Amino acid sequence: MIELDDGPSFLPPAAEAALKQVGACWGDEAAAERLVLQALELAPDTLAARVGAYKFYFYRHRLAEALVHAWSCLDWVAERLQMPRDWREVQPRHADFTGLDPMPRLWLQIVIAIGYCQARLGQVEEGQESLAKVAQLDPADRFGARRLSDVIARGGVDLDEEGD
């Protein structure tokens, strides 16, 4: 988890405790979800609560709900980077996407997550558009957007895993 010192990123102890308890009651989906929602209620402006919600819904294969939280994470990061809220408008001049600064890297990862969720939800064209934006901003493909895009284009067939 990225730790930032500005106010909106601070996760209050009660919200942190709720997120930590999610794993302990993972088998009880309703109880785990209540804890995720509690963390969001306690810390709605924090990245950690938003990422926690995204991960909960993603790993529960509730991708439509995960996507909502991925968009929320993207808004949070874009605001801190002072970039356009619409990811389609983001250009290399908006941040150093090829460096080691964690915020632009996180932005790229979130856009990949959005593209993945979109594709899995049948919004293949939108998902591919998201991945193409990451490929534009990450020409070395450090985050695998091109590979994921190729897998999606092949209908989910990953050539690297064929024959395993």
C-alpha atoms as a PDB file:
ATOM      1  CA  MET A   1       0.000   0.000   0.000  1.00  0.00           C
ATOM      2  CA  ILE A   2       1.277   3.441  -0.829  1.00  0.00           C
ATOM      3  CA  GLU A   3       1.726   5.589   2.231  1.00  0.00           C
ATOM      4  CA  LEU A   4       1.338   9.314   1.747  1.00  0.00           C
ATOM      5  CA  ASP A   5       1.582  12.028   4.352  1.00  0.00           C
ATOM      6  CA  ASP A   6      -1.156  14.311   3.099  1.00  0.00           C
ATOM      7  CA  GLY A   7      -4.408  14.392   5.059  1.00  0.00           C
ATOM      8  CA  PRO A   8      -6.756  12.585   2.672  1.00  0.00           C
ATOM      9  CA  SER A   9      -4.509   9.523   2.513  1.00  0.00           C
ATOM     10  CA  PHE A  10      -4.429   8.928   6.284  1.00  0.00           C
ATOM     11  CA  LEU A  11      -6.431   5.860   7.236  1.00  0.00           C
ATOM     12  CA  PRO A  12      -8.057   6.269  10.652  1.00  0.00           C
ATOM     13  CA  PRO A  13      -7.354   3.374  13.039  1.00  0.00           C
ATOM     14  CA  ALA A  14     -10.986   2.206  13.067  1.00  0.00           C
ATOM     15  CA  ALA A  15     -11.060   2.010   9.267  1.00  0.00           C
ATOM     16  CA  GLU A  16      -7.713   0.211   9.221  1.00  0.00           C
ATOM     17  CA  ALA A  17      -9.006  -2.271  11.794  1.00  0.00           C
ATOM     18  CA  ALA A  18     -12.129  -2.915   9.729  1.00  0.00           C
ATOM     19  CA  LEU A  19     -10.059  -3.624   6.615  1.00  0.00           C
ATOM     20  CA  LYS A  20      -7.775  -5.975   8.542  1.00  0.00           C
ATOM     21  CA  GLN A  21     -10.795  -7.893   9.839  1.00  0.00           C
ATOM     22  CA  VAL A  22     -12.045  -8.549   6.315  1.00  0.00           C
ATOM     23  CA  GLY A  23      -9.543 -11.364   5.866  1.00  0.00           C
ATOM     24  CA  ALA A  24     -10.496 -12.943   9.177  1.00  0.00           C
ATOM     25  CA  CYS A  25     -14.117 -13.316   8.109  1.00  0.00           C
ATOM     26  CA  TRP A  26     -13.557 -13.882   4.378  1.00  0.00           C
ATOM     27  CA  GLY A  27     -15.729 -17.007   4.482  1.00  0.00           C
ATOM     28  CA  ASP A  28     -18.714 -14.928   5.565  1.00  0.00           C
ATOM     29  CA  GLU A  29     -19.115 -12.685   2.536  1.00  0.00           C
ATOM     30  CA  ALA A  30     -21.852 -10.532   4.061  1.00  0.00           C
ATOM     31  CA  ALA A  31     -19.822  -9.857   7.212  1.00  0.00           C
ATOM     32  CA  ALA A  32     -16.685  -9.121   5.188  1.00  0.00           C
ATOM     33  CA  GLU A  33     -18.602  -6.732   2.953  1.00  0.00           C
ATOM     34  CA  ARG A  34     -20.019  -4.911   5.972  1.00  0.00           C
ATOM     35  CA  LEU A  35     -16.454  -4.323   7.170  1.00  0.00           C
ATOM     36  CA  VAL A  36     -15.388  -2.995   3.767  1.00  0.00           C
ATOM     37  CA  LEU A  37     -18.351  -0.628   3.707  1.00  0.00           C
ATOM     38  CA  GLN A  38     -17.595   0.410   7.289  1.00  0.00           C
ATOM     39  CA  ALA A  39     -14.019   1.298   6.308  1.00  0.00           C
ATOM     40  CA  LEU A  40     -15.325   3.328   3.381  1.00  0.00           C
ATOM     41  CA  GLU A  41     -17.782   5.128   5.630  1.00  0.00           C
ATOM     42  CA  LEU A  42     -15.072   5.911   8.177  1.00  0.00           C
ATOM     43  CA  ALA A  43     -12.509   7.001   5.590  1.00  0.00           C
ATOM     44  CA  PRO A  44     -14.238   7.846   2.310  1.00  0.00           C
ATOM     45  CA  ASP A  45     -11.461  10.132   1.102  1.00  0.00           C
ATOM     46  CA  THR A  46      -8.599   7.698   1.583  1.00  0.00           C
ATOM     47  CA  LEU A  47      -6.920   5.653  -1.071  1.00  0.00           C
ATOM     48  CA  ALA A  48      -6.495   2.682   1.268  1.00  0.00           C
ATOM     49  CA  ALA A  49     -10.241   2.321   1.875  1.00  0.00           C
ATOM     50  CA  ARG A  50     -10.952   2.642  -1.840  1.00  0.00           C
ATOM     51  CA  VAL A  51      -8.301   0.081  -2.779  1.00  0.00           C
ATOM     52  CA  GLY A  52      -9.577  -2.217  -0.043  1.00  0.00           C
ATOM     53  CA  ALA A  53     -13.080  -2.042  -1.492  1.00  0.00           C
ATOM     54  CA  TYR A  54     -11.782  -2.632  -5.014  1.00  0.00           C
ATOM     55  CA  LYS A  55      -9.815  -5.700  -3.917  1.00  0.00           C
ATOM     56  CA  PHE A  56     -12.734  -7.130  -1.948  1.00  0.00           C
ATOM     57  CA  TYR A  57     -15.107  -6.958  -4.897  1.00  0.00           C
ATOM     58  CA  PHE A  58     -12.450  -8.023  -7.404  1.00  0.00           C
ATOM     59  CA  TYR A  59     -11.482 -11.152  -5.473  1.00  0.00           C
ATOM     60  CA  ARG A  60     -15.160 -11.943  -4.931  1.00  0.00           C
ATOM     61  CA  HIS A  61     -15.552 -11.830  -8.727  1.00  0.00           C
ATOM     62  CA  ARG A  62     -18.037  -8.996  -8.350  1.00  0.00           C
ATOM     63  CA  LEU A  63     -16.390  -7.066 -11.141  1.00  0.00           C
ATOM     64  CA  ALA A  64     -19.099  -4.464 -11.730  1.00  0.00           C
ATOM     65  CA  GLU A  65     -18.723  -3.358  -8.112  1.00  0.00           C
ATOM     66  CA  ALA A  66     -14.924  -3.597  -8.296  1.00  0.00           C
ATOM     67  CA  LEU A  67     -15.001  -1.327 -11.341  1.00  0.00           C
ATOM     68  CA  VAL A  68     -16.860   1.383  -9.405  1.00  0.00           C
ATOM     69  CA  HIS A  69     -14.101   1.402  -6.799  1.00  0.00           C
ATOM     70  CA  ALA A  70     -11.349   1.313  -9.424  1.00  0.00           C
ATOM     71  CA  TRP A  71     -12.833   4.494 -10.929  1.00  0.00           C
ATOM     72  CA  SER A  72     -12.855   6.016  -7.451  1.00  0.00           C
ATOM     73  CA  CYS A  73      -9.171   5.150  -6.997  1.00  0.00           C
ATOM     74  CA  LEU A  74      -8.375   6.657 -10.382  1.00  0.00           C
ATOM     75  CA  ASP A  75     -10.131   9.902  -9.456  1.00  0.00           C
ATOM     76  CA  TRP A  76      -8.181  10.039  -6.194  1.00  0.00           C
ATOM     77  CA  VAL A  77      -4.806   9.583  -7.898  1.00  0.00           C
ATOM     78  CA  ALA A  78      -5.625  11.922 -10.798  1.00  0.00           C
ATOM     79  CA  GLU A  79      -6.562  14.658  -8.333  1.00  0.00           C
ATOM     80  CA  ARG A  80      -3.268  14.321  -6.479  1.00  0.00           C
ATOM     81  CA  LEU A  81      -1.285  14.309  -9.705  1.00  0.00           C
ATOM     82  CA  GLN A  82      -3.318  17.293 -10.935  1.00  0.00           C
ATOM     83  CA  MET A  83      -4.137  15.415 -14.118  1.00  0.00           C
ATOM     84  CA  PRO A  84      -7.337  15.365 -16.131  1.00  0.00           C
ATOM     85  CA  ARG A  85     -10.051  13.277 -14.492  1.00  0.00           C
ATOM     86  CA  ASP A  86     -10.840  11.734 -17.879  1.00  0.00           C
ATOM     87  CA  TRP A  87      -8.044   9.194 -18.406  1.00  0.00           C
ATOM     88  CA  ARG A  88      -8.430   9.517 -22.187  1.00  0.00           C
ATOM     89  CA  GLU A  89      -7.093  13.083 -21.934  1.00  0.00           C
ATOM     90  CA  VAL A  90      -3.943  12.106 -20.039  1.00  0.00           C
ATOM     91  CA  GLN A  91      -0.713  12.507 -21.979  1.00  0.00           C
ATOM     92  CA  PRO A  92       2.958  11.819 -21.182  1.00  0.00           C
ATOM     93  CA  ARG A  93       3.406  15.488 -20.204  1.00  0.00           C
ATOM     94  CA  HIS A  94       1.032  15.072 -17.244  1.00  0.00           C
ATOM     95  CA  ALA A  95       3.394  12.856 -15.198  1.00  0.00           C
ATOM     96  CA  ASP A  96       6.549  10.801 -15.448  1.00  0.00           C
ATOM     97  CA  PHE A  97       4.965   7.462 -16.288  1.00  0.00           C
ATOM     98  CA  THR A  98       8.310   5.871 -17.106  1.00  0.00           C
ATOM     99  CA  GLY A  99      10.010   6.664 -13.799  1.00  0.00           C
ATOM    100  CA  LEU A 100       9.836   5.279 -10.314  1.00  0.00           C
ATOM    101  CA  ASP A 101       7.416   7.795  -8.781  1.00  0.00           C
ATOM    102  CA  PRO A 102       4.703   5.610  -7.201  1.00  0.00           C
ATOM    103  CA  MET A 103       1.712   7.809  -8.039  1.00  0.00           C
ATOM    104  CA  PRO A 104       2.017   7.716 -11.853  1.00  0.00           C
ATOM    105  CA  ARG A 105       2.771   3.986 -11.600  1.00  0.00           C
ATOM    106  CA  LEU A 106      -0.360   3.514  -9.506  1.00  0.00           C
ATOM    107  CA  TRP A 107      -2.368   5.500 -12.043  1.00  0.00           C
ATOM    108  CA  LEU A 108      -1.206   3.097 -14.774  1.00  0.00           C
ATOM    109  CA  GLN A 109      -2.066   0.060 -12.660  1.00  0.00           C
ATOM    110  CA  ILE A 110      -5.533   1.379 -11.945  1.00  0.00           C
ATOM    111  CA  VAL A 111      -6.233   2.003 -15.633  1.00  0.00           C
ATOM    112  CA  ILE A 112      -5.137  -1.590 -16.331  1.00  0.00           C
ATOM    113  CA  ALA A 113      -7.501  -2.805 -13.602  1.00  0.00           C
ATOM    114  CA  ILE A 114     -10.302  -0.799 -15.187  1.00  0.00           C
ATOM    115  CA  GLY A 115      -9.540  -2.267 -18.610  1.00  0.00           C
ATOM    116  CA  TYR A 116      -9.435  -5.793 -17.232  1.00  0.00           C
ATOM    117  CA  CYS A 117     -12.755  -5.407 -15.412  1.00  0.00           C
ATOM    118  CA  GLN A 118     -14.365  -3.820 -18.454  1.00  0.00           C
ATOM    119  CA  ALA A 119     -13.230  -6.662 -20.703  1.00  0.00           C
ATOM    120  CA  ARG A 120     -14.401  -9.331 -18.244  1.00  0.00           C
ATOM    121  CA  LEU A 121     -17.772  -7.591 -18.035  1.00  0.00           C
ATOM    122  CA  GLY A 122     -18.149  -7.799 -21.824  1.00  0.00           C
ATOM    123  CA  GLN A 123     -17.127  -4.197 -22.451  1.00  0.00           C
ATOM    124  CA  VAL A 124     -14.222  -5.407 -24.567  1.00  0.00           C
ATOM    125  CA  GLU A 125     -13.843  -2.309 -26.722  1.00  0.00           C
ATOM    126  CA  GLU A 126     -13.731  -0.030 -23.674  1.00  0.00           C
ATOM    127  CA  GLY A 127     -11.290  -2.364 -21.951  1.00  0.00           C
ATOM    128  CA  GLN A 128      -9.002  -2.400 -24.957  1.00  0.00           C
ATOM    129  CA  GLU A 129      -9.138   1.400 -25.105  1.00  0.00           C
ATOM    130  CA  SER A 130      -8.034   1.588 -21.458  1.00  0.00           C
ATOM    131  CA  LEU A 131      -5.163  -0.805 -22.081  1.00  0.00           C
ATOM    132  CA  ALA A 132      -4.113   1.113 -25.194  1.00  0.00           C
ATOM    133  CA  LYS A 133      -3.822   4.283 -23.078  1.00  0.00           C
ATOM    134  CA  VAL A 134      -1.514   2.490 -20.648  1.00  0.00           C
ATOM    135  CA  ALA A 135       0.527   1.115 -23.549  1.00  0.00           C
ATOM    136  CA  GLN A 136       0.914   4.668 -24.873  1.00  0.00           C
ATOM    137  CA  LEU A 137       2.128   5.970 -21.504  1.00  0.00           C
ATOM    138  CA  ASP A 138       4.231   2.905 -20.659  1.00  0.00           C
ATOM    139  CA  PRO A 139       6.139   2.172 -23.887  1.00  0.00           C
ATOM    140  CA  ALA A 140       8.380  -0.382 -22.136  1.00  0.00           C
ATOM    141  CA  ASP A 141       5.210  -2.291 -21.120  1.00  0.00           C
ATOM    142  CA  ARG A 142       6.430  -2.684 -17.538  1.00  0.00           C
ATOM    143  CA  PHE A 143       2.876  -3.347 -16.382  1.00  0.00           C
ATOM    144  CA  GLY A 144       1.912  -5.791 -19.138  1.00  0.00           C
ATOM    145  CA  ALA A 145      -0.912  -3.794 -20.713  1.00  0.00           C
ATOM    146  CA  ARG A 146       0.059  -4.915 -24.229  1.00  0.00           C
ATOM    147  CA  ARG A 147       0.203  -8.565 -23.214  1.00  0.00           C
ATOM    148  CA  LEU A 148      -3.168  -8.335 -21.483  1.00  0.00           C
ATOM    149  CA  SER A 149      -4.608  -6.577 -24.516  1.00  0.00           C
ATOM    150  CA  ASP A 150      -3.337  -9.411 -26.723  1.00  0.00           C
ATOM    151  CA  VAL A 151      -4.901 -12.004 -24.422  1.00  0.00           C
ATOM    152  CA  ILE A 152      -8.236 -10.179 -24.565  1.00  0.00           C
ATOM    153  CA  ALA A 153      -7.995  -9.905 -28.361  1.00  0.00           C
ATOM    154  CA  ARG A 154      -7.526 -13.697 -28.502  1.00  0.00           C
ATOM    155  CA  GLY A 155     -10.673 -14.208 -26.477  1.00  0.00           C
ATOM    156  CA  GLY A 156      -8.826 -14.905 -23.237  1.00  0.00           C
ATOM    157  CA  VAL A 157      -6.216 -17.290 -24.631  1.00  0.00           C
ATOM    158  CA  ASP A 158      -2.809 -16.662 -23.087  1.00  0.00           C
ATOM    159  CA  LEU A 159      -0.183 -18.114 -25.415  1.00  0.00           C
ATOM    160  CA  ASP A 160       2.342 -18.151 -22.564  1.00  0.00           C
ATOM    161  CA  GLU A 161       0.129 -20.592 -20.657  1.00  0.00           C
ATOM    162  CA  GLU A 162      -0.924 -22.859 -23.536  1.00  0.00           C
ATOM    163  CA  GLY A 163       0.069 -26.451 -23.081  1.00  0.00           C
ATOM    164  CA  ASP A 164       0.624 -26.150 -19.312  1.00  0.00           C
END
